[in-house]
Amino acid sequence: MRGKVRSILLIAGTLALALAAAAVAGIGSSKASDTLVFGASADPVLLDGSLISDGESLRVTNQIFESLLGYKAGGTTLQAELATSWKPNKTGLVWTFKLRQGVKFSDGTSFDAAAVCFNYNRWYNFPAPLQNSSVSYYWNTVFGGFAHPAKDSPGPAKSLYKGCKAVNASTVQLQLRRRSTSFLQAIALPNFGMASPTALKKYKADAGTVDNTGVFHPTGTFATRNPVGTGPYVFKSWTPGSKLELAANTSYWGKKPVIKRLIFRPIADNAARVQALQSGEVQGYDNVAPEDVKTIQGNSKLHVYFRPPFAVGYVGITQTIKPMDNPLVRQALAYGLDRTSLVKAVYPPGTATANQFLPPALIGNAKTGVPSYSYNPEKSKALLKQAGLTTPVKIEFWYPTSVSRPYMPDPKRNAEAFGANLEKAGFAVEFHSAPWRPDYLAGAQSGKYMVHLLGWIADFPDPANFLNVHFGAFNPQFGFKDPALFSLLTRADAEPKVPKRIALYQQASIDVMKKLPVVPYVWAGSAQAFTSNVKGFVPSPIGSSAEPFADLHYG
């Protein structure tokens, strides 16, 4: 998830609480065992998983829609959902999925192989407005390419997706243009949830326009009033700025949810969400601010859940700018950063000092053999001398302004702390800054910054979304060419056998730390809070995309 939250309407926290009290008439503070009110930071953007990329939309769609695959609670391991088994053919270009039988969409439409193909072919055949990468971000990221490309959109030849075949009612095949295994993790997200073909057509899911900011304005009602999936909850009503309500799906094929009524209330202000939890207006909320963690932990009636770290913060190094082309200088930089002290001083519980790019929650995280760059200023100076440089070595260090990310809540503070470290390690640091959008990101990604702060939040839980995205081909952000690493990562993504795939990614993770295009320094997570009587919540590193509310109950 790239954090692109485009809210339909944000309201002030105080007004949100007033609306909550008036509209719910006390339900929020009720001890009724069948209702849960959740404090969202914003309204969803839309309720069509294929057209969203923000956490608030994904949280709601995750309750309504199900995908072919899912995730085991609390982790990234794939498990059966609407498909009961899956395997590739010998070429790795055709994946066969056996489907769960007897499942119906909540409008009574049968779920079968034809419905799967309808959904995948819908995405592949999106009309021009929906091909915008800001709208269909996940299709563009995972599969790319469209059957009838609009101007500037990739065509069929560039798409990983080739086609879908209904072998019989309970067997479907997804056909690929090249070998890939990483797509499996992606299609378990709500973004690839199965929607009723009947409802998609009836409520004109693809009708609408996209404005010049990349926001889709639907003229049909599927994504706003008529989302229909196979999940444990069904849509009931949505008043933007006030509440969105779901009800238990009485015809759900699986275990019926204990909580029969879910209400999502947008409360934009962090402090207002804490107050709403304390007062009982809501029973849970996400994105707990670091400064609020101790307050919540000090209240026996509340509980904080920390998600396993799933974002990485790093110091990027552009090797096309001297002297960063010299591996000894990059090593000196790595030894000159006191990463552990920074993480302890700045970050909340649930974060950890990173020793490689891949977070521990992902397969491919190397358990041994990773080069260690513990803080050692004297070694830094020795390496700079070995590189033939006279200390202090002048470097330009860039950081963004007007932004706070889980991997860098306060970029300036991080930069200044690292700058102080590097001054002791034989470097003379000259700071530069720029606004996050569009200046800073554009400059970093085009390779204009010698040394810079940045990070990555996973789009989907697979090592390819970390390592292949950043280091699988020449990337101007880092400016290094390593054909052997590029080839290794290509083989790793194509490998269908999990043990071998893990080994390939572990080797790639080690190689990245030897070549040092980046110095990872933090694995960051996030926190969610509930009242203590809410039971059954399992925090997921993937976040709201993989935290089903159907498992919740009061106890």
Protein backbone atom coordinates (compact mmCIF):
# COMPACT_ATOMS: atom_id res chain seq x y z
CA MET A 1 0.00 0.00 0.00
CA ARG A 2 1.51 3.25 -1.04
CA GLY A 3 -0.38 5.43 1.39
CA LYS A 4 -2.35 7.26 -1.30
CA VAL A 5 -5.39 8.25 0.79
CA ARG A 6 -7.89 10.27 -1.22
CA SER A 7 -10.78 10.75 1.16
CA ILE A 8 -14.25 11.56 -0.05
CA LEU A 9 -14.71 13.72 3.03
CA LEU A 10 -12.59 14.39 6.09
CA ILE A 11 -14.24 15.98 9.11
CA ALA A 12 -12.80 17.45 12.25
CA GLY A 13 -12.53 15.13 15.22
CA THR A 14 -14.88 17.08 17.44
CA LEU A 15 -17.60 17.18 14.81
CA ALA A 16 -17.11 13.46 14.17
CA LEU A 17 -17.74 12.65 17.82
CA ALA A 18 -20.83 14.83 17.87
CA LEU A 19 -22.21 13.08 14.79
CA ALA A 20 -21.40 9.71 16.31
CA ALA A 21 -23.32 10.46 19.48
CA ALA A 22 -26.30 11.89 17.62
CA ALA A 23 -26.56 9.29 14.87
CA VAL A 24 -25.87 6.15 16.87
CA ALA A 25 -27.76 7.26 19.97
CA GLY A 26 -25.40 5.56 22.32
CA ILE A 27 -24.65 2.38 20.37
CA GLY A 28 -20.93 3.16 20.53
CA SER A 29 -20.88 2.92 24.30
CA SER A 30 -23.32 0.01 24.37
CA LYS A 31 -22.19 -3.34 25.72
CA ALA A 32 -24.30 -5.12 23.12
CA SER A 33 -22.33 -8.13 21.93
CA ASP A 34 -23.47 -7.85 18.33
CA THR A 35 -22.24 -4.32 17.41
CA LEU A 36 -18.75 -2.85 17.04
CA VAL A 37 -17.99 0.78 16.20
CA PHE A 38 -14.57 1.42 14.68
CA GLY A 39 -12.90 4.83 14.47
CA ALA A 40 -11.43 5.25 11.01
CA SER A 41 -9.00 8.07 10.19
CA ALA A 42 -11.03 8.88 7.07
CA ASP A 43 -13.87 7.68 4.89
CA PRO A 44 -13.06 4.97 2.38
CA VAL A 45 -12.34 6.24 -1.11
CA LEU A 46 -14.49 3.57 -2.79
CA LEU A 47 -15.74 0.07 -2.01
CA ASP A 48 -14.39 -1.63 -5.14
CA GLY A 49 -11.11 -3.30 -4.21
CA SER A 50 -9.72 -3.09 -7.72
CA LEU A 51 -9.93 0.72 -7.67
CA ILE A 52 -8.40 1.52 -4.27
CA SER A 53 -5.01 1.52 -2.56
CA ASP A 54 -5.66 3.15 0.84
CA GLY A 55 -5.97 1.40 4.17
CA GLU A 56 -9.40 2.72 5.12
CA SER A 57 -10.98 1.40 1.92
CA LEU A 58 -9.14 -1.91 2.20
CA ARG A 59 -10.31 -2.46 5.78
CA VAL A 60 -13.95 -2.26 4.71
CA THR A 61 -13.62 -4.19 1.44
CA ASN A 62 -11.75 -6.94 3.30
CA GLN A 63 -14.95 -7.70 5.20
CA ILE A 64 -17.15 -7.78 2.06
CA PHE A 65 -14.99 -9.51 -0.54
CA GLU A 66 -12.85 -12.65 -0.58
CA SER A 67 -10.04 -13.59 -2.95
CA LEU A 68 -8.91 -16.90 -4.38
CA LEU A 69 -6.24 -17.06 -1.69
CA GLY A 70 -5.89 -15.59 1.79
CA TYR A 71 -3.31 -15.24 4.55
CA LYS A 72 -2.86 -17.18 7.74
CA ALA A 73 -3.68 -15.03 10.74
CA GLY A 74 -0.82 -12.80 11.82
CA GLY A 75 1.52 -13.62 8.95
CA THR A 76 2.13 -13.70 5.22
CA THR A 77 1.74 -17.44 4.60
CA LEU A 78 -0.84 -18.15 1.91
CA GLN A 79 -3.86 -20.28 2.67
CA ALA A 80 -7.01 -21.40 0.89
CA GLU A 81 -9.89 -18.96 0.65
CA LEU A 82 -12.18 -19.23 -2.38
CA ALA A 83 -9.64 -21.58 -3.97
CA THR A 84 -8.85 -24.76 -2.08
CA SER A 85 -5.64 -25.61 -3.96
CA TRP A 86 -3.34 -24.10 -6.59
CA LYS A 87 -0.36 -25.28 -8.61
CA PRO A 88 1.57 -24.37 -11.77
CA ASN A 89 2.09 -26.50 -14.86
CA LYS A 90 5.59 -27.54 -15.93
CA THR A 91 6.26 -24.28 -17.76
CA GLY A 92 5.12 -22.15 -14.80
CA LEU A 93 2.92 -20.15 -17.18
CA VAL A 94 -0.43 -21.70 -16.24
CA TRP A 95 -1.70 -21.85 -12.67
CA THR A 96 -4.65 -24.11 -11.90
CA PHE A 97 -6.95 -23.27 -8.99
CA LYS A 98 -9.53 -25.69 -7.57
CA LEU A 99 -12.46 -23.65 -6.28
CA ARG A 100 -14.58 -23.98 -3.19
CA GLN A 101 -17.97 -25.38 -4.19
CA GLY A 102 -21.40 -24.28 -3.02
CA VAL A 103 -20.36 -20.64 -2.49
CA LYS A 104 -22.69 -17.84 -3.53
CA PHE A 105 -22.27 -14.09 -3.70
CA SER A 106 -24.51 -12.24 -1.26
CA ASP A 107 -26.92 -11.38 -4.11
CA GLY A 108 -27.45 -15.10 -4.79
CA THR A 109 -25.17 -15.30 -7.85
CA SER A 110 -23.12 -18.52 -7.90
CA PHE A 111 -19.38 -18.29 -7.38
CA ASP A 112 -17.66 -20.49 -9.95
CA ALA A 113 -14.85 -20.51 -12.52
CA ALA A 114 -16.84 -18.31 -14.88
CA ALA A 115 -17.15 -15.68 -12.14
CA VAL A 116 -13.39 -15.77 -11.55
CA CYS A 117 -12.68 -15.22 -15.24
CA PHE A 118 -15.28 -12.45 -15.38
CA ASN A 119 -13.41 -10.56 -12.63
CA TYR A 120 -9.91 -11.05 -14.06
CA ASN A 121 -11.01 -10.20 -17.58
CA ARG A 122 -12.83 -7.14 -16.26
CA TRP A 123 -9.59 -5.81 -14.80
CA TYR A 124 -7.60 -6.67 -17.92
CA ASN A 125 -10.20 -4.93 -20.10
CA PHE A 126 -10.61 -1.81 -17.96
CA PRO A 127 -11.74 1.19 -20.02
CA ALA A 128 -9.28 4.05 -20.47
CA PRO A 129 -10.24 6.06 -17.34
CA LEU A 130 -9.67 3.05 -15.07
CA GLN A 131 -6.24 2.29 -16.54
CA ASN A 132 -4.83 5.30 -14.70
CA SER A 133 -2.19 3.95 -12.29
CA SER A 134 -3.63 6.09 -9.51
CA VAL A 135 -6.95 4.30 -9.90
CA SER A 136 -6.08 0.67 -10.70
CA TYR A 137 -2.79 0.82 -8.82
CA TYR A 138 -2.65 -2.84 -7.85
CA TRP A 139 -3.47 -4.24 -11.29
CA ASN A 140 -0.82 -1.94 -12.76
CA THR A 141 1.71 -2.96 -10.08
CA VAL A 142 1.13 -6.72 -10.13
CA PHE A 143 0.03 -7.54 -13.68
CA GLY A 144 0.46 -4.36 -15.72
CA GLY A 145 -0.81 -3.96 -19.25
CA PHE A 146 -4.34 -3.90 -20.65
CA ALA A 147 -6.12 -5.63 -23.51
CA HIS A 148 -7.04 -2.28 -25.08
CA PRO A 149 -4.46 0.19 -23.78
CA ALA A 150 -5.26 3.86 -23.50
CA LYS A 151 -2.66 6.46 -24.37
CA ASP A 152 0.44 5.97 -22.18
CA SER A 153 -0.90 2.68 -20.76
CA PRO A 154 1.11 -0.53 -21.24
CA GLY A 155 -0.30 -2.91 -23.83
CA PRO A 156 -0.97 -6.66 -23.69
CA ALA A 157 2.62 -7.61 -24.49
CA LYS A 158 3.79 -5.94 -21.27
CA SER A 159 1.16 -7.59 -19.09
CA LEU A 160 1.94 -10.56 -16.87
CA TYR A 161 -1.69 -11.59 -17.37
CA LYS A 162 -2.47 -13.48 -20.57
CA GLY A 163 -5.88 -14.95 -19.93
CA CYS A 164 -8.29 -16.96 -17.81
CA LYS A 165 -9.86 -20.31 -18.65
CA ALA A 166 -12.82 -21.95 -16.92
CA VAL A 167 -11.92 -25.64 -17.19
CA ASN A 168 -15.15 -26.56 -15.44
CA ALA A 169 -17.35 -24.93 -12.81
CA SER A 170 -14.89 -25.68 -10.00
CA THR A 171 -11.57 -25.39 -11.85
CA VAL A 172 -10.03 -22.25 -13.27
CA GLN A 173 -6.67 -21.50 -14.88
CA LEU A 174 -4.80 -18.20 -14.85
CA GLN A 175 -2.44 -17.92 -17.81
CA LEU A 176 0.73 -15.80 -17.60
CA ARG A 177 3.07 -14.37 -20.22
CA ARG A 178 6.17 -15.02 -18.11
CA ARG A 179 7.02 -17.06 -15.06
CA SER A 180 6.18 -15.45 -11.75
CA THR A 181 5.33 -16.67 -8.29
CA SER A 182 5.07 -13.33 -6.48
CA PHE A 183 1.65 -12.62 -8.01
CA LEU A 184 0.15 -15.28 -5.71
CA GLN A 185 0.78 -13.14 -2.64
CA ALA A 186 -0.77 -10.16 -4.37
CA ILE A 187 -3.99 -11.83 -5.46
CA ALA A 188 -4.75 -12.71 -1.84
CA LEU A 189 -5.34 -9.00 -1.17
CA PRO A 190 -8.87 -7.51 -1.17
CA ASN A 191 -7.81 -5.63 -4.32
CA PHE A 192 -8.28 -8.92 -6.14
CA GLY A 193 -11.45 -9.90 -4.31
CA MET A 194 -14.17 -11.65 -6.26
CA ALA A 195 -17.23 -9.50 -7.02
CA SER A 196 -20.60 -10.67 -8.28
CA PRO A 197 -20.66 -10.46 -12.10
CA THR A 198 -24.38 -9.75 -11.83
CA ALA A 199 -23.81 -6.77 -9.54
CA LEU A 200 -20.84 -5.45 -11.53
CA LYS A 201 -23.02 -5.25 -14.62
CA LYS A 202 -26.24 -4.14 -12.93
CA TYR A 203 -24.61 -1.29 -11.01
CA LYS A 204 -22.24 -0.20 -13.80
CA ALA A 205 -18.99 -0.74 -11.92
CA ASP A 206 -16.77 0.64 -14.69
CA ALA A 207 -18.77 3.77 -15.50
CA GLY A 208 -17.29 7.11 -14.52
CA THR A 209 -14.54 9.63 -15.12
CA VAL A 210 -11.09 10.36 -13.72
CA ASP A 211 -10.10 13.94 -12.95
CA ASN A 212 -6.66 15.48 -13.51
CA THR A 213 -5.55 14.48 -10.00
CA GLY A 214 -6.15 10.78 -10.71
CA VAL A 215 -9.37 10.45 -8.67
CA PHE A 216 -12.12 8.23 -10.08
CA HIS A 217 -15.65 9.62 -9.93
CA PRO A 218 -18.05 6.72 -10.54
CA THR A 219 -21.39 7.30 -12.21
CA GLY A 220 -22.47 3.75 -11.44
CA THR A 221 -23.27 2.72 -7.86
CA PHE A 222 -21.35 -0.54 -7.41
CA ALA A 223 -18.42 1.13 -5.61
CA THR A 224 -20.54 3.40 -3.42
CA ARG A 225 -23.84 1.67 -2.61
CA ASN A 226 -23.88 -1.83 -4.07
CA PRO A 227 -20.62 -3.73 -3.46
CA VAL A 228 -21.39 -7.47 -3.60
CA GLY A 229 -18.90 -10.16 -2.62
CA THR A 230 -18.82 -13.56 -0.91
CA GLY A 231 -17.46 -12.33 2.44
CA PRO A 232 -18.81 -12.58 5.99
CA TYR A 233 -20.32 -9.08 5.88
CA VAL A 234 -22.58 -7.26 3.45
CA PHE A 235 -22.96 -3.56 2.76
CA LYS A 236 -25.86 -1.85 4.51
CA SER A 237 -25.43 1.94 4.22
CA TRP A 238 -22.89 4.75 3.88
CA THR A 239 -23.25 8.40 4.78
CA PRO A 240 -19.84 9.97 3.99
CA GLY A 241 -18.54 11.97 6.92
CA SER A 242 -20.82 10.18 9.37
CA LYS A 243 -20.79 6.39 9.19
CA LEU A 244 -20.52 3.30 7.01
CA GLU A 245 -22.41 0.25 8.20
CA LEU A 246 -22.02 -3.45 7.39
CA ALA A 247 -24.21 -6.34 8.50
CA ALA A 248 -23.40 -10.01 8.93
CA ASN A 249 -23.91 -12.08 5.78
CA THR A 250 -26.63 -14.54 6.83
CA SER A 251 -25.84 -16.81 3.86
CA TYR A 252 -22.06 -16.81 4.35
CA TRP A 253 -20.48 -20.13 3.40
CA GLY A 254 -18.01 -20.15 6.32
CA LYS A 255 -18.18 -19.56 10.06
CA LYS A 256 -20.75 -16.87 10.76
CA PRO A 257 -19.41 -13.73 12.48
CA VAL A 258 -20.35 -13.20 16.12
CA ILE A 259 -20.49 -9.43 15.74
CA LYS A 260 -23.50 -8.83 13.52
CA ARG A 261 -23.13 -5.11 12.93
CA LEU A 262 -19.98 -3.14 12.03
CA ILE A 263 -20.00 0.66 12.02
CA PHE A 264 -17.02 2.61 10.66
CA ARG A 265 -16.88 6.28 11.71
CA PRO A 266 -14.42 8.77 10.18
CA ILE A 267 -12.55 10.69 12.89
CA ALA A 268 -9.68 12.57 11.29
CA ASP A 269 -7.90 13.83 14.40
CA ASN A 270 -5.58 11.46 16.33
CA ALA A 271 -6.47 12.95 19.71
CA ALA A 272 -10.19 12.69 18.96
CA ARG A 273 -9.84 8.99 18.13
CA VAL A 274 -8.09 8.35 21.45
CA GLN A 275 -10.84 10.22 23.29
CA ALA A 276 -13.51 8.26 21.43
CA LEU A 277 -11.87 4.98 22.50
CA GLN A 278 -11.54 6.11 26.10
CA SER A 279 -15.16 7.24 26.27
CA GLY A 280 -16.55 4.11 24.62
CA GLU A 281 -17.84 5.92 21.53
CA VAL A 282 -15.71 3.49 19.50
CA GLN A 283 -14.36 0.06 20.39
CA GLY A 284 -11.28 0.26 18.17
CA TYR A 285 -9.16 2.41 15.89
CA ASP A 286 -6.05 2.16 13.74
CA ASN A 287 -2.89 4.22 13.24
CA VAL A 288 -2.21 4.81 16.91
CA ALA A 289 0.23 7.72 17.14
CA PRO A 290 3.52 6.90 18.94
CA GLU A 291 2.82 9.53 21.59
CA ASP A 292 -0.53 7.87 22.43
CA VAL A 293 0.81 4.36 23.00
CA LYS A 294 1.70 4.87 26.69
CA THR A 295 -1.62 6.56 27.38
CA ILE A 296 -3.54 3.58 26.03
CA GLN A 297 -1.26 1.04 27.69
CA GLY A 298 -1.84 2.77 31.03
CA ASN A 299 -5.58 2.15 30.83
CA SER A 300 -6.62 -1.38 31.84
CA LYS A 301 -9.81 -1.06 29.80
CA LEU A 302 -7.84 -0.57 26.58
CA HIS A 303 -5.28 -2.61 24.66
CA VAL A 304 -2.69 -1.80 22.00
CA TYR A 305 -1.76 -4.35 19.34
CA PHE A 306 1.55 -3.94 17.51
CA ARG A 307 1.76 -5.24 13.98
CA PRO A 308 4.97 -7.05 13.01
CA PRO A 309 7.25 -4.57 11.19
CA PHE A 310 6.52 -4.49 7.49
CA ALA A 311 8.06 -1.24 6.26
CA VAL A 312 11.75 -0.44 5.88
CA GLY A 313 13.48 2.90 6.33
CA TYR A 314 16.82 3.33 4.61
CA VAL A 315 19.62 5.69 3.69
CA GLY A 316 19.84 5.57 -0.09
CA ILE A 317 23.17 5.95 -1.90
CA THR A 318 23.45 7.04 -5.53
CA GLN A 319 26.51 5.38 -7.01
CA THR A 320 26.65 7.57 -10.11
CA ILE A 321 27.72 10.47 -7.88
CA LYS A 322 31.34 10.33 -6.74
CA PRO A 323 32.73 9.23 -4.37
CA MET A 324 29.76 6.90 -3.80
CA ASP A 325 30.85 4.78 -6.77
CA ASN A 326 33.58 3.42 -4.49
CA PRO A 327 32.37 0.44 -2.39
CA LEU A 328 34.80 1.38 0.39
CA VAL A 329 33.08 4.76 0.76
CA ARG A 330 29.67 3.11 0.91
CA GLN A 331 30.95 0.75 3.59
CA ALA A 332 32.36 3.72 5.50
CA LEU A 333 28.95 5.37 5.37
CA ALA A 334 27.29 2.20 6.69
CA TYR A 335 29.72 1.95 9.62
CA GLY A 336 29.20 5.65 10.30
CA LEU A 337 25.46 5.39 11.07
CA ASP A 338 24.37 4.64 14.63
CA ARG A 339 21.16 2.96 13.56
CA THR A 340 20.40 1.23 16.86
CA SER A 341 20.56 4.41 18.94
CA LEU A 342 18.29 6.24 16.51
CA VAL A 343 15.66 3.51 16.55
CA LYS A 344 15.66 3.39 20.36
CA ALA A 345 15.39 7.16 20.66
CA VAL A 346 12.83 7.95 17.99
CA TYR A 347 10.61 4.96 17.22
CA PRO A 348 7.71 3.43 19.18
CA PRO A 349 7.39 -0.17 20.35
CA GLY A 350 6.96 -2.61 17.50
CA THR A 351 9.92 -1.33 15.51
CA ALA A 352 13.38 -2.88 15.20
CA THR A 353 16.82 -2.00 13.89
CA ALA A 354 17.14 -3.35 10.35
CA ASN A 355 20.16 -5.36 9.24
CA GLN A 356 18.84 -5.93 5.69
CA PHE A 357 16.19 -4.64 3.31
CA LEU A 358 13.64 -7.44 3.82
CA PRO A 359 11.63 -7.32 7.08
CA PRO A 360 11.65 -10.55 9.13
CA ALA A 361 7.95 -11.19 8.38
CA LEU A 362 8.83 -11.99 4.76
CA ILE A 363 10.25 -15.17 3.32
CA GLY A 364 13.76 -14.51 2.02
CA ASN A 365 14.88 -12.59 5.09
CA ALA A 366 18.38 -13.98 5.63
CA LYS A 367 18.99 -15.43 9.08
CA THR A 368 22.76 -15.80 8.67
CA GLY A 369 25.52 -14.45 6.44
CA VAL A 370 24.35 -10.83 6.38
CA PRO A 371 27.29 -8.38 6.56
CA SER A 372 27.20 -6.49 9.85
CA TYR A 373 27.76 -2.74 9.88
CA SER A 374 27.62 -1.86 13.55
CA TYR A 375 28.44 1.74 14.41
CA ASN A 376 32.23 2.15 14.26
CA PRO A 377 33.49 5.70 13.45
CA GLU A 378 37.13 4.66 13.52
CA LYS A 379 36.53 1.91 10.98
CA SER A 380 34.72 4.44 8.79
CA LYS A 381 37.73 6.73 8.83
CA ALA A 382 40.06 3.82 8.04
CA LEU A 383 37.94 2.79 5.06
CA LEU A 384 37.91 6.35 3.72
CA LYS A 385 41.68 6.47 4.02
CA GLN A 386 41.90 3.08 2.26
CA ALA A 387 39.79 4.57 -0.54
CA GLY A 388 42.48 7.22 -1.02
CA LEU A 389 40.37 10.10 0.36
CA THR A 390 41.33 12.82 2.78
CA THR A 391 38.98 13.28 5.70
CA PRO A 392 36.61 14.89 6.26
CA VAL A 393 34.94 13.72 3.06
CA LYS A 394 32.20 16.11 1.98
CA ILE A 395 28.82 14.52 1.23
CA GLU A 396 25.38 15.93 0.48
CA PHE A 397 22.59 14.46 2.63
CA TRP A 398 18.97 14.97 1.56
CA TYR A 399 15.78 14.57 3.58
CA PRO A 400 12.09 15.37 2.87
CA THR A 401 9.88 18.00 4.49
CA SER A 402 6.10 18.15 4.92
CA VAL A 403 5.76 14.41 5.48
CA SER A 404 5.65 11.78 8.21
CA ARG A 405 5.87 8.11 7.33
CA PRO A 406 5.90 5.00 9.57
CA TYR A 407 9.56 4.45 8.64
CA MET A 408 10.49 8.10 9.32
CA PRO A 409 8.02 9.93 11.58
CA ASP A 410 10.34 12.97 11.72
CA PRO A 411 12.71 12.99 8.72
CA LYS A 412 14.68 16.05 9.85
CA ARG A 413 15.38 14.49 13.24
CA ASN A 414 16.61 11.29 11.58
CA ALA A 415 18.83 13.23 9.18
CA GLU A 416 20.35 15.37 11.91
CA ALA A 417 21.06 12.35 14.12
CA PHE A 418 22.77 10.53 11.26
CA GLY A 419 24.61 13.70 10.30
CA ALA A 420 26.06 13.95 13.82
CA ASN A 421 27.17 10.30 13.56
CA LEU A 422 28.82 10.84 10.20
CA GLU A 423 30.68 13.96 11.34
CA LYS A 424 32.42 11.72 13.89
CA ALA A 425 33.14 9.12 11.21
CA GLY A 426 35.23 11.18 8.79
CA PHE A 427 32.49 12.90 6.78
CA ALA A 428 31.51 16.56 6.42
CA VAL A 429 27.74 16.61 5.97
CA GLU A 430 25.92 19.25 3.97
CA PHE A 431 22.15 18.99 4.43
CA HIS A 432 19.54 19.64 1.75
CA SER A 433 15.77 19.27 1.94
CA ALA A 434 12.75 19.46 -0.36
CA PRO A 435 8.96 19.02 -0.05
CA TRP A 436 7.87 15.39 -0.19
CA ARG A 437 5.66 15.79 -3.25
CA PRO A 438 6.54 16.34 -5.99
CA ASP A 439 10.08 17.62 -5.53
CA TYR A 440 11.72 15.21 -3.09
CA LEU A 441 10.39 11.93 -4.49
CA ALA A 442 11.12 12.98 -8.05
CA GLY A 443 14.67 13.98 -7.18
CA ALA A 444 15.41 10.80 -5.25
CA GLN A 445 13.92 8.45 -7.81
CA SER A 446 15.79 10.12 -10.67
CA GLY A 447 19.16 9.74 -8.92
CA LYS A 448 19.86 13.40 -8.15
CA TYR A 449 20.69 12.92 -4.46
CA MET A 450 24.06 11.59 -3.32
CA VAL A 451 22.72 10.36 0.03
CA HIS A 452 19.06 10.50 0.99
CA LEU A 453 16.43 9.27 3.43
CA LEU A 454 13.59 7.17 2.07
CA GLY A 455 11.71 3.96 2.79
CA TRP A 456 9.24 1.42 1.49
CA ILE A 457 5.84 0.18 2.63
CA ALA A 458 4.86 -3.09 1.00
CA ASP A 459 2.30 -3.15 -1.78
CA PHE A 460 1.89 -6.88 -1.19
CA PRO A 461 3.66 -9.36 1.10
CA ASP A 462 6.31 -10.85 -1.13
CA PRO A 463 10.09 -10.32 -1.30
CA ALA A 464 9.75 -9.43 -4.99
CA ASN A 465 7.83 -6.31 -3.98
CA PHE A 466 10.88 -5.24 -1.98
CA LEU A 467 13.98 -6.58 -3.71
CA ASN A 468 12.87 -6.90 -7.35
CA VAL A 469 11.18 -3.51 -7.33
CA HIS A 470 14.29 -1.75 -6.08
CA PHE A 471 17.21 -3.89 -7.23
CA GLY A 472 15.90 -6.21 -9.96
CA ALA A 473 17.10 -3.96 -12.80
CA PHE A 474 19.00 -0.73 -13.24
CA ASN A 475 17.40 1.85 -10.96
CA PRO A 476 18.51 5.48 -11.36
CA GLN A 477 17.73 6.10 -7.71
CA PHE A 478 20.79 4.03 -6.77
CA GLY A 479 22.63 4.11 -10.09
CA PHE A 480 24.30 0.72 -9.87
CA LYS A 481 24.50 -2.05 -12.42
CA ASP A 482 24.86 -5.61 -11.25
CA PRO A 483 23.78 -8.13 -13.92
CA ALA A 484 24.42 -11.06 -11.58
CA LEU A 485 22.04 -9.66 -8.93
CA PHE A 486 19.46 -8.74 -11.57
CA SER A 487 19.54 -12.30 -12.90
CA LEU A 488 19.32 -13.79 -9.40
CA LEU A 489 16.22 -11.76 -8.60
CA THR A 490 14.58 -12.69 -11.91
CA ARG A 491 15.15 -16.37 -11.14
CA ALA A 492 13.84 -15.93 -7.59
CA ASP A 493 10.56 -14.40 -8.78
CA ALA A 494 10.08 -17.15 -11.37
CA GLU A 495 10.83 -20.03 -8.97
CA PRO A 496 7.63 -21.95 -8.02
CA LYS A 497 9.22 -24.19 -5.36
CA VAL A 498 9.03 -22.34 -2.05
CA PRO A 499 12.22 -23.68 -0.36
CA LYS A 500 14.33 -22.89 -3.42
CA ARG A 501 12.66 -19.51 -3.79
CA ILE A 502 13.43 -18.67 -0.18
CA ALA A 503 17.09 -19.61 -0.65
CA LEU A 504 17.39 -17.43 -3.75
CA TYR A 505 15.92 -14.42 -2.00
CA GLN A 506 18.09 -14.95 1.06
CA GLN A 507 21.15 -14.87 -1.18
CA ALA A 508 19.85 -11.75 -2.91
CA SER A 509 19.22 -10.08 0.44
CA ILE A 510 22.82 -10.78 1.47
CA ASP A 511 24.16 -9.55 -1.89
CA VAL A 512 22.30 -6.25 -1.56
CA MET A 513 23.96 -5.69 1.81
CA LYS A 514 27.35 -6.42 0.28
CA LYS A 515 26.82 -4.00 -2.61
CA LEU A 516 25.16 -1.33 -0.40
CA PRO A 517 22.91 0.63 -2.71
CA VAL A 518 21.08 1.35 0.54
CA VAL A 519 21.76 1.15 4.27
CA PRO A 520 18.52 -0.09 5.88
CA TYR A 521 18.18 1.18 9.44
CA VAL A 522 14.64 0.48 10.67
CA TRP A 523 11.85 -2.02 10.23
CA ALA A 524 8.72 -0.13 11.17
CA GLY A 525 5.27 -1.38 12.04
CA SER A 526 2.07 0.25 13.18
CA ALA A 527 -0.33 -0.05 16.08
CA GLN A 528 -4.05 -0.59 16.49
CA ALA A 529 -6.09 -0.24 19.68
CA PHE A 530 -9.28 -1.84 20.95
CA THR A 531 -11.19 -1.85 24.19
CA SER A 532 -9.97 -4.78 26.27
CA ASN A 533 -13.27 -6.62 26.03
CA VAL A 534 -12.87 -7.03 22.26
CA LYS A 535 -11.29 -10.43 21.70
CA GLY A 536 -10.03 -12.34 18.69
CA PHE A 537 -8.01 -9.63 16.98
CA VAL A 538 -4.73 -10.83 15.46
CA PRO A 539 -2.48 -8.02 14.16
CA SER A 540 -1.13 -8.68 10.69
CA PRO A 541 2.07 -7.28 9.18
CA ILE A 542 -0.01 -6.66 6.05
CA GLY A 543 -2.33 -4.37 8.01
CA SER A 544 -6.01 -3.75 7.37
CA SER A 545 -5.94 -5.88 4.21
CA ALA A 546 -5.57 -9.03 6.30
CA GLU A 547 -7.37 -8.38 9.58
CA PRO A 548 -10.88 -9.88 9.35
CA PHE A 549 -13.43 -8.49 11.79
CA ALA A 550 -15.47 -11.68 11.48
CA ASP A 551 -13.09 -13.21 14.04
CA LEU A 552 -13.85 -10.56 16.67
CA HIS A 553 -16.15 -11.04 19.66
CA TYR A 554 -16.71 -9.60 23.11
CA GLY A 555 -15.42 -11.47 26.12
